[in-house]
PDB file of N, CA and C in Angstrom:
ATOM      1  N   MET A   1     126.740 116.071 172.952  1.00  0.00           N
ATOM      2  CA  MET A   1     127.336 114.905 172.325  1.00  0.00           C
ATOM      3  C   MET A   1     127.856 113.982 173.422  1.00  0.00           C
ATOM      4  N   PRO A   2     127.228 112.842 173.634  1.00  0.00           N
ATOM      5  CA  PRO A   2     127.717 111.895 174.630  1.00  0.00           C
ATOM      6  C   PRO A   2     129.005 111.216 174.160  1.00  0.00           C
ATOM      7  N   ILE A   3     129.917 111.053 175.102  1.00  0.00           N
ATOM      8  CA  ILE A   3     131.143 110.299 174.866  1.00  0.00           C
ATOM      9  C   ILE A   3     131.199 109.207 175.920  1.00  0.00           C
ATOM     10  N   VAL A   4     131.263 107.972 175.481  1.00  0.00           N
ATOM     11  CA  VAL A   4     131.311 106.825 176.380  1.00  0.00           C
ATOM     12  C   VAL A   4     132.707 106.228 176.292  1.00  0.00           C
ATOM     13  N   THR A   5     133.340 106.011 177.436  1.00  0.00           N
ATOM     14  CA  THR A   5     134.653 105.374 177.466  1.00  0.00           C
ATOM     15  C   THR A   5     134.506 103.986 178.077  1.00  0.00           C
ATOM     16  N   VAL A   6     135.004 102.995 177.369  1.00  0.00           N
ATOM     17  CA  VAL A   6     134.979 101.612 177.832  1.00  0.00           C
ATOM     18  C   VAL A   6     136.420 101.193 178.095  1.00  0.00           C
ATOM     19  N   GLN A   7     136.696 100.759 179.302  1.00  0.00           N
ATOM     20  CA  GLN A   7     138.011 100.225 179.624  1.00  0.00           C
ATOM     21  C   GLN A   7     137.859  98.723 179.785  1.00  0.00           C
ATOM     22  N   GLN A   8     138.693  97.988 179.066  1.00  0.00           N
ATOM     23  CA  GLN A   8     138.571  96.531 179.064  1.00  0.00           C
ATOM     24  C   GLN A   8     139.874  95.902 178.631  1.00  0.00           C
ATOM     25  N   GLY A   9     139.931  94.592 178.775  1.00  0.00           N
ATOM     26  CA  GLY A   9     141.034  93.834 178.217  1.00  0.00           C
ATOM     27  C   GLY A   9     140.842  93.690 176.714  1.00  0.00           C
ATOM     28  N   PRO A  10     141.860  93.201 176.040  1.00  0.00           N
ATOM     29  CA  PRO A  10     141.786  93.042 174.585  1.00  0.00           C
ATOM     30  C   PRO A  10     140.613  92.157 174.162  1.00  0.00           C
ATOM     31  N   ARG A  11     139.931  92.580 173.107  1.00  0.00           N
ATOM     32  CA  ARG A  11     138.808  91.830 172.542  1.00  0.00           C
ATOM     33  C   ARG A  11     138.927  91.822 171.019  1.00  0.00           C
ATOM     34  N   ASP A  12     138.267  90.873 170.401  1.00  0.00           N
ATOM     35  CA  ASP A  12     138.210  90.752 168.949  1.00  0.00           C
ATOM     36  C   ASP A  12     137.482  91.967 168.364  1.00  0.00           C
ATOM     37  N   VAL A  13     137.909  92.408 167.192  1.00  0.00           N
ATOM     38  CA  VAL A  13     137.319  93.595 166.572  1.00  0.00           C
ATOM     39  C   VAL A  13     135.828  93.410 166.287  1.00  0.00           C
ATOM     40  N   ALA A  14     135.387  92.215 165.976  1.00  0.00           N
ATOM     41  CA  ALA A  14     133.960  91.982 165.731  1.00  0.00           C
ATOM     42  C   ALA A  14     133.144  92.233 167.002  1.00  0.00           C
ATOM     43  N   LEU A  15     133.666  91.825 168.141  1.00  0.00           N
ATOM     44  CA  LEU A  15     132.979  92.079 169.407  1.00  0.00           C
ATOM     45  C   LEU A  15     132.922  93.572 169.711  1.00  0.00           C
ATOM     46  N   LYS A  16     134.005  94.272 169.404  1.00  0.00           N
ATOM     47  CA  LYS A  16     134.025  95.721 169.641  1.00  0.00           C
ATOM     48  C   LYS A  16     133.034  96.439 168.732  1.00  0.00           C
ATOM     49  N   ARG A  17     132.911  95.995 167.490  1.00  0.00           N
ATOM     50  CA  ARG A  17     131.910  96.588 166.588  1.00  0.00           C
ATOM     51  C   ARG A  17     130.509  96.446 167.173  1.00  0.00           C
ATOM     52  N   GLU A  18     130.198  95.249 167.662  1.00  0.00           N
ATOM     53  CA  GLU A  18     128.891  94.988 168.241  1.00  0.00           C
ATOM     54  C   GLU A  18     128.656  95.848 169.482  1.00  0.00           C
ATOM     55  N   LEU A  19     129.659  95.967 170.324  1.00  0.00           N
ATOM     56  CA  LEU A  19     129.541  96.778 171.525  1.00  0.00           C
ATOM     57  C   LEU A  19     129.264  98.235 171.174  1.00  0.00           C
ATOM     58  N   VAL A  20     130.017  98.777 170.237  1.00  0.00           N
ATOM     59  CA  VAL A  20     129.833 100.175 169.818  1.00  0.00           C
ATOM     60  C   VAL A  20     128.423 100.386 169.264  1.00  0.00           C
ATOM     61  N   ALA A  21     127.954  99.461 168.462  1.00  0.00           N
ATOM     62  CA  ALA A  21     126.606  99.582 167.895  1.00  0.00           C
ATOM     63  C   ALA A  21     125.548  99.571 168.992  1.00  0.00           C
ATOM     64  N   ARG A  22     125.691  98.670 169.956  1.00  0.00           N
ATOM     65  CA  ARG A  22     124.692  98.566 171.021  1.00  0.00           C
ATOM     66  C   ARG A  22     124.703  99.775 171.952  1.00  0.00           C
ATOM     67  N   ILE A  23     125.892 100.254 172.281  1.00  0.00           N
ATOM     68  CA  ILE A  23     125.984 101.451 173.127  1.00  0.00           C
ATOM     69  C   ILE A  23     125.364 102.643 172.401  1.00  0.00           C
ATOM     70  N   THR A  24     125.685 102.791 171.134  1.00  0.00           N
ATOM     71  CA  THR A  24     125.120 103.887 170.347  1.00  0.00           C
ATOM     72  C   THR A  24     123.601 103.801 170.317  1.00  0.00           C
ATOM     73  N   ASP A  25     123.078 102.613 170.044  1.00  0.00           N
ATOM     74  CA  ASP A  25     121.624 102.421 170.015  1.00  0.00           C
ATOM     75  C   ASP A  25     120.977 102.781 171.346  1.00  0.00           C
ATOM     76  N   ALA A  26     121.633 102.435 172.443  1.00  0.00           N
ATOM     77  CA  ALA A  26     121.085 102.739 173.761  1.00  0.00           C
ATOM     78  C   ALA A  26     120.951 104.247 173.969  1.00  0.00           C
ATOM     79  N   PHE A  27     121.948 105.005 173.556  1.00  0.00           N
ATOM     80  CA  PHE A  27     121.880 106.462 173.690  1.00  0.00           C
ATOM     81  C   PHE A  27     120.840 107.059 172.758  1.00  0.00           C
ATOM     82  N   VAL A  28     120.764 106.537 171.544  1.00  0.00           N
ATOM     83  CA  VAL A  28     119.759 107.018 170.589  1.00  0.00           C
ATOM     84  C   VAL A  28     118.359 106.791 171.162  1.00  0.00           C
ATOM     85  N   ASP A  29     118.108 105.619 171.710  1.00  0.00           N
ATOM     86  CA  ASP A  29     116.805 105.294 172.278  1.00  0.00           C
ATOM     87  C   ASP A  29     116.495 106.122 173.537  1.00  0.00           C
ATOM     88  N   ALA A  30     117.459 106.219 174.432  1.00  0.00           N
ATOM     89  CA  ALA A  30     117.226 106.880 175.713  1.00  0.00           C
ATOM     90  C   ALA A  30     117.138 108.399 175.587  1.00  0.00           C
ATOM     91  N   TYR A  31     117.993 108.980 174.756  1.00  0.00           N
ATOM     92  CA  TYR A  31     118.081 110.446 174.666  1.00  0.00           C
ATOM     93  C   TYR A  31     117.408 111.020 173.429  1.00  0.00           C
ATOM     94  N   GLN A  32     116.944 110.126 172.531  1.00  0.00           N
ATOM     95  CA  GLN A  32     116.319 110.586 171.290  1.00  0.00           C
ATOM     96  C   GLN A  32     117.241 111.551 170.528  1.00  0.00           C
ATOM     97  N   ILE A  33     118.497 111.104 170.326  1.00  0.00           N
ATOM     98  CA  ILE A  33     119.499 111.907 169.622  1.00  0.00           C
ATOM     99  C   ILE A  33     119.973 111.131 168.402  1.00  0.00           C
ATOM    100  N   PRO A  34     120.551 111.832 167.425  1.00  0.00           N
ATOM    101  CA  PRO A  34     121.077 111.130 166.253  1.00  0.00           C
ATOM    102  C   PRO A  34     122.301 110.282 166.617  1.00  0.00           C
ATOM    103  N   ALA A  35     122.422 109.141 165.975  1.00  0.00           N
ATOM    104  CA  ALA A  35     123.569 108.250 166.214  1.00  0.00           C
ATOM    105  C   ALA A  35     124.887 108.967 165.953  1.00  0.00           C
ATOM    106  N   GLU A  36     124.881 109.901 165.025  1.00  0.00           N
ATOM    107  CA  GLU A  36     126.114 110.619 164.662  1.00  0.00           C
ATOM    108  C   GLU A  36     126.682 111.442 165.816  1.00  0.00           C
ATOM    109  N   THR A  37     125.871 111.689 166.835  1.00  0.00           N
ATOM    110  CA  THR A  37     126.348 112.503 167.957  1.00  0.00           C
ATOM    111  C   THR A  37     126.970 111.679 169.077  1.00  0.00           C
ATOM    112  N   VAL A  38     126.894 110.363 168.968  1.00  0.00           N
ATOM    113  CA  VAL A  38     127.406 109.475 170.024  1.00  0.00           C
ATOM    114  C   VAL A  38     128.813 109.005 169.650  1.00  0.00           C
ATOM    115  N   GLN A  39     129.731 109.152 170.590  1.00  0.00           N
ATOM    116  CA  GLN A  39     131.093 108.656 170.407  1.00  0.00           C
ATOM    117  C   GLN A  39     131.382 107.598 171.465  1.00  0.00           C
ATOM    118  N   VAL A  40     132.029 106.527 171.052  1.00  0.00           N
ATOM    119  CA  VAL A  40     132.426 105.462 171.979  1.00  0.00           C
ATOM    120  C   VAL A  40     133.929 105.269 171.829  1.00  0.00           C
ATOM    121  N   TRP A  41     134.631 105.414 172.929  1.00  0.00           N
ATOM    122  CA  TRP A  41     136.079 105.215 172.940  1.00  0.00           C
ATOM    123  C   TRP A  41     136.375 103.932 173.697  1.00  0.00           C
ATOM    124  N   ILE A  42     137.144 103.060 173.082  1.00  0.00           N
ATOM    125  CA  ILE A  42     137.520 101.801 173.733  1.00  0.00           C
ATOM    126  C   ILE A  42     139.008 101.865 174.077  1.00  0.00           C
ATOM    127  N   HIS A  43     139.270 101.776 175.347  1.00  0.00           N
ATOM    128  CA  HIS A  43     140.653 101.767 175.846  1.00  0.00           C
ATOM    129  C   HIS A  43     140.954 100.344 176.287  1.00  0.00           C
ATOM    130  N   GLU A  44     141.813  99.677 175.540  1.00  0.00           N
ATOM    131  CA  GLU A  44     142.167  98.295 175.876  1.00  0.00           C
ATOM    132  C   GLU A  44     143.446  98.260 176.703  1.00  0.00           C
ATOM    133  N   VAL A  45     143.361  97.566 177.802  1.00  0.00           N
ATOM    134  CA  VAL A  45     144.491  97.429 178.709  1.00  0.00           C
ATOM    135  C   VAL A  45     145.064  96.025 178.529  1.00  0.00           C
ATOM    136  N   PRO A  46     146.359  95.912 178.221  1.00  0.00           N
ATOM    137  CA  PRO A  46     146.962  94.579 178.084  1.00  0.00           C
ATOM    138  C   PRO A  46     146.842  93.795 179.396  1.00  0.00           C
ATOM    139  N   THR A  47     146.701  92.495 179.281  1.00  0.00           N
ATOM    140  CA  THR A  47     146.512  91.672 180.476  1.00  0.00           C
ATOM    141  C   THR A  47     147.705  91.712 181.425  1.00  0.00           C
ATOM    142  N   ASP A  48     148.885  92.089 180.922  1.00  0.00           N
ATOM    143  CA  ASP A  48     150.040  92.200 181.817  1.00  0.00           C
ATOM    144  C   ASP A  48     150.128  93.575 182.484  1.00  0.00           C
ATOM    145  N   SER A  49     149.141  94.426 182.225  1.00  0.00           N
ATOM    146  CA  SER A  49     149.085  95.755 182.838  1.00  0.00           C
ATOM    147  C   SER A  49     147.785  95.954 183.617  1.00  0.00           C
ATOM    148  N   TRP A  50     147.168  94.848 184.042  1.00  0.00           N
ATOM    149  CA  TRP A  50     145.867  94.912 184.678  1.00  0.00           C
ATOM    150  C   TRP A  50     145.814  93.820 185.736  1.00  0.00           C
ATOM    151  N   GLY A  51     145.438  94.215 186.934  1.00  0.00           N
ATOM    152  CA  GLY A  51     145.348  93.255 188.022  1.00  0.00           C
ATOM    153  C   GLY A  51     143.954  93.151 188.587  1.00  0.00           C
ATOM    154  N   ALA A  52     143.625  91.979 189.103  1.00  0.00           N
ATOM    155  CA  ALA A  52     142.356  91.747 189.779  1.00  0.00           C
ATOM    156  C   ALA A  52     142.581  90.706 190.864  1.00  0.00           C
ATOM    157  N   ALA A  53     142.017  90.946 192.000  1.00  0.00           N
ATOM    158  CA  ALA A  53     142.125  90.013 193.132  1.00  0.00           C
ATOM    159  C   ALA A  53     143.580  89.736 193.504  1.00  0.00           C
ATOM    160  N   GLY A  54     144.413  90.755 193.375  1.00  0.00           N
ATOM    161  CA  GLY A  54     145.808  90.634 193.789  1.00  0.00           C
ATOM    162  C   GLY A  54     146.730  89.978 192.799  1.00  0.00           C
ATOM    163  N   LYS A  55     146.262  89.690 191.592  1.00  0.00           N
ATOM    164  CA  LYS A  55     147.092  89.024 190.593  1.00  0.00           C
ATOM    165  C   LYS A  55     146.924  89.705 189.241  1.00  0.00           C
ATOM    166  N   LEU A  56     147.978  89.630 188.421  1.00  0.00           N
ATOM    167  CA  LEU A  56     147.845  90.103 187.055  1.00  0.00           C
ATOM    168  C   LEU A  56     146.876  89.209 186.306  1.00  0.00           C
ATOM    169  N   VAL A  57     146.065  89.814 185.471  1.00  0.00           N
ATOM    170  CA  VAL A  57     145.123  89.030 184.673  1.00  0.00           C
ATOM    171  C   VAL A  57     145.898  88.062 183.766  1.00  0.00           C
ATOM    172  N   ALA A  58     147.075  88.469 183.320  1.00  0.00           N
ATOM    173  CA  ALA A  58     147.904  87.603 182.458  1.00  0.00           C
ATOM    174  C   ALA A  58     148.297  86.318 183.172  1.00  0.00           C
ATOM    175  N   ASP A  59     148.343  86.326 184.497  1.00  0.00           N
ATOM    176  CA  ASP A  59     148.755  85.149 185.259  1.00  0.00           C
ATOM    177  C   ASP A  59     147.610  84.205 185.593  1.00  0.00           C
ATOM    178  N   LYS A  60     146.396  84.562 185.230  1.00  0.00           N
ATOM    179  CA  LYS A  60     145.250  83.704 185.555  1.00  0.00           C
ATOM    180  C   LYS A  60     145.070  82.623 184.531  1.00  0.00           C
TER     181      LYS A  60
END
C-alpha cells in the first residue's frame, strides 16, 4: 500500500481534491494496483511557520 506525503502551504480544498486524484491515478497506472490501496496525506504548513530564501513565506 503506497502512502504519499505532500508537504505544502495552505491550498483550496478543490485543488487538494485534484492533487489527490492525480497522485492516485499515477500510482494506479505505474504499479497496476487498485486505487483503494493508495493513500495520500497532505500536511499543510502555515505561511508563518515556513521559510524560504531566508524569509518567512508570510512576509513575501
